[in-house]
Amino acid sequence: VFWAGDLNYRIDAERPEVEANISKAFGPPPAAKPAKILPAGGPGGPAEQGGIIGGRHGPPVPPVPPTPTRTIDPDGGVGGSFWGGSEAVLDLGALGWLAARDQLTKAREAGHVFRGFAEEPLCFRPTFKFAPGSNEYLVDGKMRVPAWCDRVLYKVHHGTVPLAYGSVLSEAVALGSDHRPVFAAFELSLVGAAGAKKNPKKP
């Protein structure tokens, strides 16, 4: 079972502290890339990374995971290359400070929500709330605290290996929203039913 979406959990801290630790963990945000509309098919079509394809031109270009950063071992011996986000983590202490105050993580660890579900480490910048067309967090009257609102949780069988969990920050395809999209990838082991009939009769 995979559960993904804007779950709307926040970080329990004041905005100045959160922003300071985001800056320590990831450095300054990358500059936003200008939007580029690509034609459907042909040279520069949907396979080209980094453009916007929307409406009649087809679906958005999927993110390409960055270089693998670590090896995980989720099932006592089953490992795999893992992408931890679209940016390098500069300060693990600052990232840990943020993750320790994440409301969803605390609620799951207390057993209040998503019992039996797992989540890979939050190794990417909080995904909400960004200024329009920018990679800077929105400054307005409400001054919302940046947060990991957008998440992917999973409940899987033995042998499933997480391969990627990150966020698209600087791609122009993401700049039309005050959220930044997250992506996750898994390697699954599927076992068919031995001896199952192809066309079983109805009872």
N, C-alpha and C. Protein backbone atom coordinates (compact mmCIF):
# COMPACT_ATOMS: atom_id res chain seq x y z
N VAL A 1 0.86 -1.17 0.00
CA VAL A 1 0.00 0.00 0.00
C VAL A 1 0.90 1.23 0.00
N PHE A 2 0.65 2.13 -0.93
CA PHE A 2 1.40 3.39 -0.98
C PHE A 2 0.41 4.55 -0.77
N TRP A 3 0.74 5.44 0.13
CA TRP A 3 -0.13 6.57 0.48
C TRP A 3 0.66 7.85 0.23
N ALA A 4 0.23 8.61 -0.77
CA ALA A 4 0.96 9.82 -1.15
C ALA A 4 -0.01 10.99 -1.28
N GLY A 5 0.48 12.18 -0.90
CA GLY A 5 -0.35 13.37 -1.07
C GLY A 5 0.07 14.50 -0.16
N ASP A 6 -0.73 15.55 -0.19
CA ASP A 6 -0.54 16.70 0.70
C ASP A 6 -1.22 16.35 2.01
N LEU A 7 -0.45 15.86 2.97
CA LEU A 7 -1.02 15.41 4.24
C LEU A 7 -1.14 16.56 5.24
N ASN A 8 -0.53 17.69 4.94
CA ASN A 8 -0.74 18.95 5.66
C ASN A 8 -0.21 18.94 7.10
N TYR A 9 0.75 18.07 7.40
CA TYR A 9 1.41 18.14 8.71
C TYR A 9 2.49 19.22 8.67
N ARG A 10 2.76 19.82 9.82
CA ARG A 10 3.67 20.96 9.89
C ARG A 10 4.89 20.65 10.77
N ILE A 11 5.74 21.65 10.95
CA ILE A 11 6.90 21.55 11.83
C ILE A 11 6.61 22.38 13.08
N ASP A 12 6.76 21.77 14.24
CA ASP A 12 6.45 22.44 15.50
C ASP A 12 7.63 23.30 15.96
N ALA A 13 7.73 24.48 15.38
CA ALA A 13 8.77 25.43 15.76
C ALA A 13 8.42 26.78 15.16
N GLU A 14 9.10 27.81 15.62
CA GLU A 14 8.87 29.15 15.09
C GLU A 14 9.56 29.28 13.73
N ARG A 15 9.00 30.13 12.87
CA ARG A 15 9.52 30.26 11.52
C ARG A 15 11.00 30.67 11.48
N PRO A 16 11.46 31.65 12.25
CA PRO A 16 12.89 32.01 12.16
C PRO A 16 13.82 30.83 12.45
N GLU A 17 13.46 30.00 13.46
CA GLU A 17 14.29 28.84 13.78
C GLU A 17 14.28 27.82 12.64
N VAL A 18 13.09 27.59 12.06
CA VAL A 18 12.97 26.62 10.97
C VAL A 18 13.77 27.09 9.76
N GLU A 19 13.62 28.34 9.38
CA GLU A 19 14.34 28.84 8.22
C GLU A 19 15.86 28.81 8.44
N ALA A 20 16.29 29.11 9.66
CA ALA A 20 17.73 29.08 9.94
C ALA A 20 18.27 27.67 9.79
N ASN A 21 17.54 26.66 10.24
CA ASN A 21 18.01 25.29 10.14
C ASN A 21 17.89 24.74 8.72
N ILE A 22 16.92 25.21 7.95
CA ILE A 22 16.84 24.84 6.53
C ILE A 22 18.07 25.38 5.80
N SER A 23 18.45 26.61 6.10
CA SER A 23 19.63 27.20 5.46
C SER A 23 20.90 26.44 5.84
N LYS A 24 21.02 26.03 7.11
CA LYS A 24 22.18 25.24 7.52
C LYS A 24 22.21 23.88 6.83
N ALA A 25 21.03 23.26 6.72
CA ALA A 25 20.95 21.91 6.18
C ALA A 25 21.20 21.87 4.68
N PHE A 26 20.71 22.89 3.94
CA PHE A 26 20.74 22.82 2.48
C PHE A 26 21.43 24.00 1.80
N GLY A 27 21.72 25.05 2.54
CA GLY A 27 22.28 26.24 1.92
C GLY A 27 21.20 27.08 1.27
N PRO A 28 21.58 28.09 0.51
CA PRO A 28 20.58 28.94 -0.15
C PRO A 28 19.82 28.17 -1.21
N PRO A 29 18.56 28.51 -1.47
CA PRO A 29 17.79 27.79 -2.49
C PRO A 29 18.34 28.07 -3.88
N PRO A 30 18.25 27.10 -4.79
CA PRO A 30 18.72 27.34 -6.16
C PRO A 30 17.82 28.32 -6.88
N ALA A 31 18.38 29.00 -7.86
CA ALA A 31 17.59 29.95 -8.65
C ALA A 31 16.54 29.19 -9.45
N ALA A 32 15.36 29.77 -9.58
CA ALA A 32 14.29 29.15 -10.36
C ALA A 32 14.66 29.16 -11.83
N LYS A 33 14.38 28.08 -12.51
CA LYS A 33 14.63 27.99 -13.94
C LYS A 33 13.47 28.61 -14.72
N PRO A 34 13.74 29.28 -15.83
CA PRO A 34 12.64 29.82 -16.63
C PRO A 34 11.83 28.71 -17.25
N ALA A 35 10.54 28.92 -17.40
CA ALA A 35 9.66 27.93 -18.00
C ALA A 35 9.98 27.77 -19.47
N LYS A 36 9.82 26.54 -19.96
CA LYS A 36 10.05 26.26 -21.37
C LYS A 36 8.95 25.32 -21.86
N ILE A 37 8.19 25.76 -22.84
CA ILE A 37 7.13 24.94 -23.38
C ILE A 37 7.68 24.10 -24.52
N LEU A 38 7.49 22.78 -24.44
CA LEU A 38 8.02 21.87 -25.44
C LEU A 38 6.90 21.32 -26.31
N PRO A 39 7.16 21.10 -27.58
CA PRO A 39 6.15 20.50 -28.45
C PRO A 39 5.94 19.04 -28.11
N ALA A 40 4.78 18.50 -28.46
CA ALA A 40 4.50 17.10 -28.22
C ALA A 40 5.22 16.26 -29.26
N GLY A 41 6.09 15.35 -28.82
CA GLY A 41 6.81 14.46 -29.72
C GLY A 41 7.91 15.19 -30.46
N GLY A 42 8.72 14.44 -31.22
CA GLY A 42 9.77 15.04 -32.02
C GLY A 42 10.93 15.51 -31.16
N PRO A 43 11.89 16.20 -31.75
CA PRO A 43 13.04 16.70 -30.99
C PRO A 43 12.61 17.62 -29.86
N GLY A 44 13.17 17.40 -28.70
CA GLY A 44 12.81 18.23 -27.55
C GLY A 44 11.46 17.89 -26.98
N GLY A 45 10.96 16.70 -27.25
CA GLY A 45 9.63 16.29 -26.81
C GLY A 45 9.63 15.80 -25.38
N PRO A 46 8.65 14.95 -25.03
CA PRO A 46 8.45 14.56 -23.64
C PRO A 46 9.66 13.92 -22.97
N ALA A 47 10.59 13.34 -23.74
CA ALA A 47 11.73 12.68 -23.11
C ALA A 47 12.77 13.67 -22.61
N GLU A 48 12.69 14.92 -23.05
CA GLU A 48 13.68 15.91 -22.63
C GLU A 48 13.41 16.35 -21.20
N GLN A 49 14.44 16.35 -20.38
CA GLN A 49 14.28 16.69 -18.97
C GLN A 49 14.32 18.21 -18.78
N GLY A 50 13.42 18.71 -17.92
CA GLY A 50 13.54 20.08 -17.45
C GLY A 50 12.56 21.05 -18.05
N GLY A 51 11.71 20.65 -18.98
CA GLY A 51 10.75 21.58 -19.56
C GLY A 51 9.37 21.39 -18.98
N ILE A 52 8.46 22.25 -19.38
CA ILE A 52 7.07 22.12 -18.97
C ILE A 52 6.28 21.58 -20.14
N ILE A 53 5.53 20.52 -19.89
CA ILE A 53 4.61 20.01 -20.89
C ILE A 53 3.27 19.90 -20.21
N GLY A 54 2.32 20.68 -20.58
CA GLY A 54 1.04 20.65 -19.90
C GLY A 54 -0.11 20.87 -20.86
N GLY A 55 -1.33 20.69 -20.33
CA GLY A 55 -2.52 20.90 -21.14
C GLY A 55 -2.55 19.98 -22.34
N ARG A 56 -2.67 20.55 -23.53
CA ARG A 56 -2.76 19.74 -24.75
C ARG A 56 -1.42 19.13 -25.14
N HIS A 57 -0.35 19.54 -24.51
CA HIS A 57 0.97 19.05 -24.90
C HIS A 57 1.37 17.77 -24.18
N GLY A 58 0.56 17.29 -23.25
CA GLY A 58 0.89 16.05 -22.58
C GLY A 58 1.21 16.25 -21.11
N PRO A 59 1.61 15.18 -20.41
CA PRO A 59 1.86 15.24 -18.97
C PRO A 59 3.18 15.92 -18.65
N PRO A 60 3.39 16.34 -17.38
CA PRO A 60 4.67 16.95 -17.00
C PRO A 60 5.82 15.96 -17.15
N VAL A 61 7.01 16.50 -17.40
CA VAL A 61 8.20 15.67 -17.49
C VAL A 61 8.52 15.13 -16.10
N PRO A 62 8.72 13.81 -15.92
CA PRO A 62 9.03 13.27 -14.60
C PRO A 62 10.42 13.66 -14.16
N PRO A 63 10.64 13.78 -12.84
CA PRO A 63 11.98 14.14 -12.36
C PRO A 63 12.96 13.00 -12.55
N VAL A 64 14.21 13.34 -12.80
CA VAL A 64 15.28 12.35 -12.88
C VAL A 64 16.02 12.34 -11.56
N PRO A 65 16.07 11.20 -10.84
CA PRO A 65 16.74 11.19 -9.54
C PRO A 65 18.21 11.57 -9.67
N PRO A 66 18.76 12.29 -8.69
CA PRO A 66 20.18 12.64 -8.71
C PRO A 66 21.05 11.42 -8.44
N THR A 67 22.35 11.66 -8.35
CA THR A 67 23.30 10.58 -8.13
C THR A 67 23.04 9.87 -6.81
N PRO A 68 23.12 8.52 -6.77
CA PRO A 68 22.90 7.80 -5.51
C PRO A 68 23.84 8.30 -4.42
N THR A 69 23.31 8.41 -3.19
CA THR A 69 24.09 8.97 -2.10
C THR A 69 24.38 7.96 -1.00
N ARG A 70 23.61 6.89 -0.88
CA ARG A 70 23.86 5.95 0.20
C ARG A 70 23.22 4.62 -0.13
N THR A 71 23.56 3.61 0.65
CA THR A 71 22.97 2.29 0.50
C THR A 71 22.12 1.98 1.72
N ILE A 72 20.90 1.51 1.52
CA ILE A 72 20.01 1.19 2.62
C ILE A 72 19.87 -0.31 2.74
N ASP A 73 19.40 -0.76 3.90
CA ASP A 73 19.26 -2.19 4.18
C ASP A 73 17.94 -2.39 4.92
N PRO A 74 16.80 -2.27 4.23
CA PRO A 74 15.51 -2.27 4.92
C PRO A 74 15.05 -3.64 5.39
N ASP A 75 15.56 -4.73 4.82
CA ASP A 75 15.03 -6.05 5.12
C ASP A 75 16.10 -7.02 5.62
N GLY A 76 17.06 -6.52 6.38
CA GLY A 76 18.06 -7.40 6.96
C GLY A 76 18.93 -8.08 5.93
N GLY A 77 19.44 -7.35 4.99
CA GLY A 77 20.33 -7.93 4.00
C GLY A 77 20.00 -7.54 2.57
N VAL A 78 18.80 -7.00 2.36
CA VAL A 78 18.43 -6.55 1.01
C VAL A 78 18.77 -5.08 0.89
N GLY A 79 19.73 -4.75 0.07
CA GLY A 79 20.16 -3.35 -0.06
C GLY A 79 19.90 -2.81 -1.44
N GLY A 80 20.12 -1.52 -1.62
CA GLY A 80 19.94 -0.92 -2.92
C GLY A 80 20.46 0.50 -2.93
N SER A 81 20.75 1.03 -4.12
CA SER A 81 21.19 2.42 -4.23
C SER A 81 20.01 3.34 -3.96
N PHE A 82 20.24 4.38 -3.17
CA PHE A 82 19.14 5.25 -2.72
C PHE A 82 19.45 6.70 -3.05
N TRP A 83 18.43 7.40 -3.59
CA TRP A 83 18.55 8.83 -3.83
C TRP A 83 17.80 9.56 -2.72
N GLY A 84 18.49 10.43 -1.98
CA GLY A 84 17.88 11.04 -0.82
C GLY A 84 17.28 12.41 -1.07
N GLY A 85 17.22 12.89 -2.29
CA GLY A 85 16.63 14.19 -2.56
C GLY A 85 17.34 14.86 -3.70
N SER A 86 16.87 16.04 -4.07
CA SER A 86 17.43 16.75 -5.21
C SER A 86 18.57 17.68 -4.81
N GLU A 87 18.88 17.77 -3.51
CA GLU A 87 19.97 18.62 -3.02
C GLU A 87 20.85 17.83 -2.05
N ALA A 88 22.10 18.21 -1.97
CA ALA A 88 22.98 17.60 -0.98
C ALA A 88 22.67 18.18 0.40
N VAL A 89 22.75 17.33 1.41
CA VAL A 89 22.55 17.78 2.79
C VAL A 89 23.90 18.26 3.32
N LEU A 90 23.95 19.51 3.72
CA LEU A 90 25.20 20.13 4.18
C LEU A 90 25.41 19.98 5.67
N ASP A 91 24.32 19.87 6.43
CA ASP A 91 24.41 19.83 7.89
C ASP A 91 23.37 18.84 8.41
N LEU A 92 23.81 17.63 8.77
CA LEU A 92 22.88 16.60 9.25
C LEU A 92 22.27 16.98 10.60
N GLY A 93 22.99 17.74 11.41
CA GLY A 93 22.45 18.17 12.68
C GLY A 93 21.24 19.08 12.51
N ALA A 94 21.35 20.02 11.57
CA ALA A 94 20.23 20.92 11.31
C ALA A 94 19.04 20.17 10.72
N LEU A 95 19.32 19.22 9.83
CA LEU A 95 18.24 18.41 9.26
C LEU A 95 17.56 17.58 10.35
N GLY A 96 18.36 17.00 11.25
CA GLY A 96 17.80 16.24 12.36
C GLY A 96 16.94 17.09 13.27
N TRP A 97 17.36 18.35 13.49
CA TRP A 97 16.58 19.27 14.31
C TRP A 97 15.19 19.48 13.70
N LEU A 98 15.14 19.66 12.38
CA LEU A 98 13.86 19.85 11.69
C LEU A 98 13.01 18.58 11.75
N ALA A 99 13.62 17.42 11.44
CA ALA A 99 12.87 16.16 11.39
C ALA A 99 12.30 15.81 12.76
N ALA A 100 13.02 16.13 13.83
CA ALA A 100 12.55 15.81 15.18
C ALA A 100 11.30 16.60 15.55
N ARG A 101 11.03 17.68 14.85
CA ARG A 101 9.87 18.53 15.13
C ARG A 101 8.77 18.37 14.10
N ASP A 102 8.93 17.42 13.18
CA ASP A 102 7.91 17.16 12.16
C ASP A 102 6.70 16.48 12.80
N GLN A 103 5.52 17.06 12.61
CA GLN A 103 4.31 16.56 13.27
C GLN A 103 3.93 15.15 12.84
N LEU A 104 4.06 14.84 11.56
CA LEU A 104 3.69 13.50 11.09
C LEU A 104 4.61 12.44 11.67
N THR A 105 5.91 12.70 11.69
CA THR A 105 6.85 11.75 12.26
C THR A 105 6.53 11.49 13.72
N LYS A 106 6.27 12.53 14.48
CA LYS A 106 5.96 12.38 15.90
C LYS A 106 4.65 11.61 16.10
N ALA A 107 3.63 11.91 15.28
CA ALA A 107 2.34 11.23 15.41
C ALA A 107 2.46 9.74 15.04
N ARG A 108 3.27 9.43 14.03
CA ARG A 108 3.45 8.02 13.65
C ARG A 108 4.21 7.27 14.74
N GLU A 109 5.27 7.88 15.27
CA GLU A 109 6.06 7.22 16.31
C GLU A 109 5.24 6.99 17.58
N ALA A 110 4.26 7.85 17.84
CA ALA A 110 3.38 7.68 19.00
C ALA A 110 2.26 6.68 18.73
N GLY A 111 2.14 6.23 17.47
CA GLY A 111 1.11 5.26 17.12
C GLY A 111 -0.27 5.85 16.91
N HIS A 112 -0.34 7.15 16.70
CA HIS A 112 -1.64 7.81 16.54
C HIS A 112 -2.18 7.72 15.11
N VAL A 113 -1.30 7.68 14.12
CA VAL A 113 -1.71 7.69 12.72
C VAL A 113 -0.82 6.75 11.91
N PHE A 114 -1.34 6.28 10.77
CA PHE A 114 -0.57 5.48 9.81
C PHE A 114 0.19 4.33 10.49
N ARG A 115 -0.51 3.57 11.32
CA ARG A 115 0.13 2.44 11.99
C ARG A 115 0.55 1.39 10.96
N GLY A 116 1.77 0.91 11.08
CA GLY A 116 2.29 -0.08 10.16
C GLY A 116 2.90 0.49 8.90
N PHE A 117 2.78 1.80 8.70
CA PHE A 117 3.37 2.45 7.53
C PHE A 117 4.79 2.91 7.86
N ALA A 118 5.60 2.99 6.83
CA ALA A 118 6.97 3.47 6.95
C ALA A 118 7.18 4.66 6.03
N GLU A 119 8.26 5.38 6.27
CA GLU A 119 8.64 6.50 5.41
C GLU A 119 10.15 6.58 5.40
N GLU A 120 10.71 6.89 4.26
CA GLU A 120 12.15 7.07 4.16
C GLU A 120 12.55 8.41 4.77
N PRO A 121 13.83 8.59 5.10
CA PRO A 121 14.26 9.84 5.75
C PRO A 121 13.95 11.08 4.92
N LEU A 122 13.63 12.15 5.61
CA LEU A 122 13.32 13.42 4.96
C LEU A 122 14.63 14.14 4.64
N CYS A 123 15.21 13.80 3.51
CA CYS A 123 16.50 14.38 3.11
C CYS A 123 16.32 15.44 2.03
N PHE A 124 15.23 16.15 2.08
CA PHE A 124 14.98 17.22 1.11
C PHE A 124 14.35 18.41 1.83
N ARG A 125 14.43 19.54 1.19
CA ARG A 125 13.93 20.80 1.75
C ARG A 125 12.41 20.71 1.97
N PRO A 126 11.87 21.27 3.06
CA PRO A 126 10.42 21.30 3.25
C PRO A 126 9.70 21.85 2.02
N THR A 127 8.55 21.26 1.71
CA THR A 127 7.91 21.46 0.40
C THR A 127 6.82 22.52 0.39
N PHE A 128 6.62 23.28 1.47
CA PHE A 128 5.54 24.26 1.55
C PHE A 128 5.98 25.36 2.52
N LYS A 129 5.68 26.63 2.32
CA LYS A 129 4.87 27.25 1.30
C LYS A 129 5.76 28.21 0.53
N PHE A 130 5.84 28.06 -0.80
CA PHE A 130 6.76 28.83 -1.63
C PHE A 130 6.05 30.02 -2.27
N ALA A 131 6.83 31.07 -2.53
CA ALA A 131 6.31 32.23 -3.26
C ALA A 131 6.11 31.84 -4.72
N PRO A 132 5.11 32.40 -5.39
CA PRO A 132 4.84 32.05 -6.79
C PRO A 132 6.06 32.28 -7.68
N GLY A 133 6.40 31.27 -8.50
CA GLY A 133 7.50 31.40 -9.44
C GLY A 133 8.87 31.48 -8.82
N SER A 134 9.00 31.04 -7.56
CA SER A 134 10.25 31.22 -6.84
C SER A 134 10.56 29.98 -6.01
N ASN A 135 11.83 29.82 -5.63
CA ASN A 135 12.23 28.79 -4.68
C ASN A 135 12.43 29.37 -3.28
N GLU A 136 11.90 30.56 -3.05
CA GLU A 136 11.94 31.18 -1.73
C GLU A 136 10.61 30.94 -1.03
N TYR A 137 10.66 30.75 0.28
CA TYR A 137 9.41 30.58 1.03
C TYR A 137 8.64 31.89 1.08
N LEU A 138 7.31 31.77 1.01
CA LEU A 138 6.45 32.94 0.91
C LEU A 138 6.50 33.79 2.17
N VAL A 139 6.64 35.08 1.97
CA VAL A 139 6.58 36.05 3.06
C VAL A 139 5.29 36.85 2.88
N ASP A 140 4.34 36.66 3.80
CA ASP A 140 3.07 37.39 3.74
C ASP A 140 2.57 37.63 5.15
N GLY A 141 1.33 38.07 5.28
CA GLY A 141 0.79 38.37 6.60
C GLY A 141 0.69 37.16 7.51
N LYS A 142 0.45 35.98 6.92
CA LYS A 142 0.30 34.78 7.74
C LYS A 142 1.64 34.19 8.17
N MET A 143 2.68 34.41 7.38
CA MET A 143 4.03 33.93 7.70
C MET A 143 4.02 32.45 8.11
N ARG A 144 3.48 31.62 7.24
CA ARG A 144 3.41 30.19 7.54
C ARG A 144 4.81 29.60 7.71
N VAL A 145 4.93 28.68 8.63
CA VAL A 145 6.21 28.00 8.88
C VAL A 145 6.43 26.97 7.77
N PRO A 146 7.59 26.97 7.10
CA PRO A 146 7.86 25.94 6.09
C PRO A 146 7.68 24.54 6.68
N ALA A 147 7.16 23.61 5.85
CA ALA A 147 6.84 22.29 6.37
C ALA A 147 6.90 21.24 5.28
N TRP A 148 7.08 19.98 5.70
CA TRP A 148 7.00 18.83 4.79
C TRP A 148 5.54 18.39 4.69
N CYS A 149 4.74 19.15 3.99
CA CYS A 149 3.33 18.79 3.85
C CYS A 149 3.13 17.60 2.91
N ASP A 150 3.99 17.46 1.93
CA ASP A 150 3.80 16.50 0.84
C ASP A 150 4.67 15.26 1.09
N ARG A 151 4.02 14.08 1.22
CA ARG A 151 4.72 12.91 1.71
C ARG A 151 4.33 11.65 0.94
N VAL A 152 5.19 10.64 1.04
CA VAL A 152 4.91 9.30 0.51
C VAL A 152 5.19 8.30 1.62
N LEU A 153 4.14 7.61 2.06
CA LEU A 153 4.26 6.56 3.07
C LEU A 153 3.95 5.22 2.42
N TYR A 154 4.43 4.14 3.01
CA TYR A 154 4.22 2.84 2.39
C TYR A 154 4.14 1.73 3.43
N LYS A 155 3.39 0.70 3.07
CA LYS A 155 3.28 -0.53 3.87
C LYS A 155 3.47 -1.68 2.90
N VAL A 156 4.58 -2.39 3.00
CA VAL A 156 4.94 -3.36 1.97
C VAL A 156 5.38 -4.67 2.60
N HIS A 157 5.52 -5.70 1.74
CA HIS A 157 5.97 -7.01 2.17
C HIS A 157 7.49 -7.07 2.14
N HIS A 158 8.02 -8.16 2.71
CA HIS A 158 9.45 -8.40 2.71
C HIS A 158 9.99 -8.43 1.27
N GLY A 159 11.15 -7.84 1.08
CA GLY A 159 11.77 -7.86 -0.24
C GLY A 159 11.56 -6.59 -1.03
N THR A 160 10.75 -5.65 -0.52
CA THR A 160 10.57 -4.37 -1.20
C THR A 160 11.70 -3.42 -0.79
N VAL A 161 12.36 -2.82 -1.78
CA VAL A 161 13.51 -1.97 -1.52
C VAL A 161 13.21 -0.53 -1.95
N PRO A 162 13.22 0.44 -1.03
CA PRO A 162 13.08 1.84 -1.43
C PRO A 162 14.31 2.29 -2.23
N LEU A 163 14.07 2.94 -3.34
CA LEU A 163 15.17 3.39 -4.20
C LEU A 163 15.33 4.91 -4.20
N ALA A 164 14.25 5.64 -4.01
CA ALA A 164 14.33 7.10 -4.12
C ALA A 164 13.22 7.74 -3.32
N TYR A 165 13.55 8.85 -2.68
CA TYR A 165 12.55 9.68 -2.01
C TYR A 165 13.11 11.09 -1.98
N GLY A 166 12.50 11.99 -2.71
CA GLY A 166 13.03 13.34 -2.79
C GLY A 166 11.99 14.33 -3.26
N SER A 167 12.43 15.52 -3.55
CA SER A 167 11.55 16.60 -3.98
C SER A 167 12.17 17.32 -5.16
N VAL A 168 11.31 17.80 -6.06
CA VAL A 168 11.75 18.60 -7.20
C VAL A 168 11.67 20.06 -6.79
N LEU A 169 12.82 20.71 -6.67
CA LEU A 169 12.83 22.08 -6.17
C LEU A 169 12.99 23.11 -7.26
N SER A 170 14.00 22.95 -8.13
CA SER A 170 14.35 24.04 -9.04
C SER A 170 13.82 23.86 -10.46
N GLU A 171 13.11 22.75 -10.72
CA GLU A 171 12.58 22.57 -12.07
C GLU A 171 11.43 23.53 -12.32
N ALA A 172 11.40 24.10 -13.50
CA ALA A 172 10.35 25.07 -13.83
C ALA A 172 8.97 24.45 -13.79
N VAL A 173 8.89 23.12 -13.99
CA VAL A 173 7.60 22.45 -13.98
C VAL A 173 6.93 22.56 -12.61
N ALA A 174 7.69 22.82 -11.57
CA ALA A 174 7.14 22.85 -10.22
C ALA A 174 6.77 24.25 -9.74
N LEU A 175 7.11 25.28 -10.49
CA LEU A 175 7.03 26.63 -9.96
C LEU A 175 5.64 27.26 -10.02
N GLY A 176 4.65 26.55 -10.55
CA GLY A 176 3.30 27.10 -10.60
C GLY A 176 2.51 26.87 -9.34
N SER A 177 3.09 26.22 -8.35
CA SER A 177 2.39 25.88 -7.12
C SER A 177 3.16 26.41 -5.92
N ASP A 178 2.46 26.58 -4.80
CA ASP A 178 3.15 26.96 -3.57
C ASP A 178 3.70 25.73 -2.84
N HIS A 179 3.45 24.53 -3.39
CA HIS A 179 4.07 23.29 -2.91
C HIS A 179 5.16 22.88 -3.89
N ARG A 180 6.06 22.00 -3.46
CA ARG A 180 7.00 21.36 -4.35
C ARG A 180 6.69 19.86 -4.36
N PRO A 181 6.61 19.26 -5.55
CA PRO A 181 6.23 17.85 -5.63
C PRO A 181 7.32 16.94 -5.09
N VAL A 182 6.89 15.82 -4.53
CA VAL A 182 7.82 14.79 -4.06
C VAL A 182 7.72 13.58 -4.98
N PHE A 183 8.77 12.78 -5.00
CA PHE A 183 8.75 11.54 -5.78
C PHE A 183 9.35 10.42 -4.95
N ALA A 184 8.93 9.21 -5.22
CA ALA A 184 9.47 8.04 -4.55
C ALA A 184 9.50 6.89 -5.55
N ALA A 185 10.47 6.01 -5.41
CA ALA A 185 10.58 4.84 -6.27
C ALA A 185 10.94 3.63 -5.41
N PHE A 186 10.39 2.47 -5.80
CA PHE A 186 10.60 1.25 -5.03
C PHE A 186 10.87 0.09 -5.99
N GLU A 187 11.65 -0.86 -5.53
CA GLU A 187 11.84 -2.12 -6.25
C GLU A 187 10.99 -3.17 -5.54
N LEU A 188 10.04 -3.77 -6.28
CA LEU A 188 9.08 -4.70 -5.70
C LEU A 188 9.35 -6.12 -6.15
N SER A 189 9.12 -7.07 -5.27
CA SER A 189 9.18 -8.48 -5.61
C SER A 189 7.76 -9.00 -5.67
N LEU A 190 7.33 -9.43 -6.87
CA LEU A 190 5.96 -9.90 -7.07
C LEU A 190 5.98 -11.42 -7.23
N VAL A 191 5.16 -12.09 -6.46
CA VAL A 191 5.08 -13.55 -6.50
C VAL A 191 3.69 -13.95 -6.94
N GLY A 192 3.60 -14.72 -8.04
CA GLY A 192 2.30 -15.17 -8.53
C GLY A 192 1.82 -16.39 -7.77
N ALA A 193 0.52 -16.65 -7.83
CA ALA A 193 -0.07 -17.81 -7.16
C ALA A 193 0.25 -19.07 -7.96
N ALA A 194 0.95 -20.01 -7.35
CA ALA A 194 1.34 -21.24 -8.04
C ALA A 194 0.11 -22.09 -8.33
N GLY A 195 0.00 -22.55 -9.57
CA GLY A 195 -1.09 -23.42 -9.94
C GLY A 195 -2.43 -22.75 -10.11
N ALA A 196 -2.46 -21.42 -10.14
CA ALA A 196 -3.73 -20.72 -10.30
C ALA A 196 -4.29 -20.95 -11.68
N LYS A 197 -5.60 -21.14 -11.77
CA LYS A 197 -6.26 -21.37 -13.04
C LYS A 197 -6.36 -20.07 -13.82
N LYS A 198 -6.18 -20.15 -15.13
CA LYS A 198 -6.27 -18.94 -15.93
C LYS A 198 -7.69 -18.42 -16.02
N ASN A 199 -8.65 -19.31 -16.13
CA ASN A 199 -10.05 -18.91 -16.27
C ASN A 199 -10.90 -19.65 -15.24
N PRO A 200 -10.78 -19.29 -13.98
CA PRO A 200 -11.56 -20.00 -12.95
C PRO A 200 -13.05 -19.80 -13.17
N LYS A 201 -13.79 -20.87 -12.91
CA LYS A 201 -15.25 -20.81 -13.06
C LYS A 201 -15.86 -20.05 -11.88
N LYS A 202 -16.93 -19.34 -12.20
CA LYS A 202 -17.64 -18.63 -11.14
C LYS A 202 -18.41 -19.63 -10.29
N PRO A 203 -18.50 -19.41 -8.98
CA PRO A 203 -19.25 -20.35 -8.12
C PRO A 203 -20.75 -20.30 -8.42
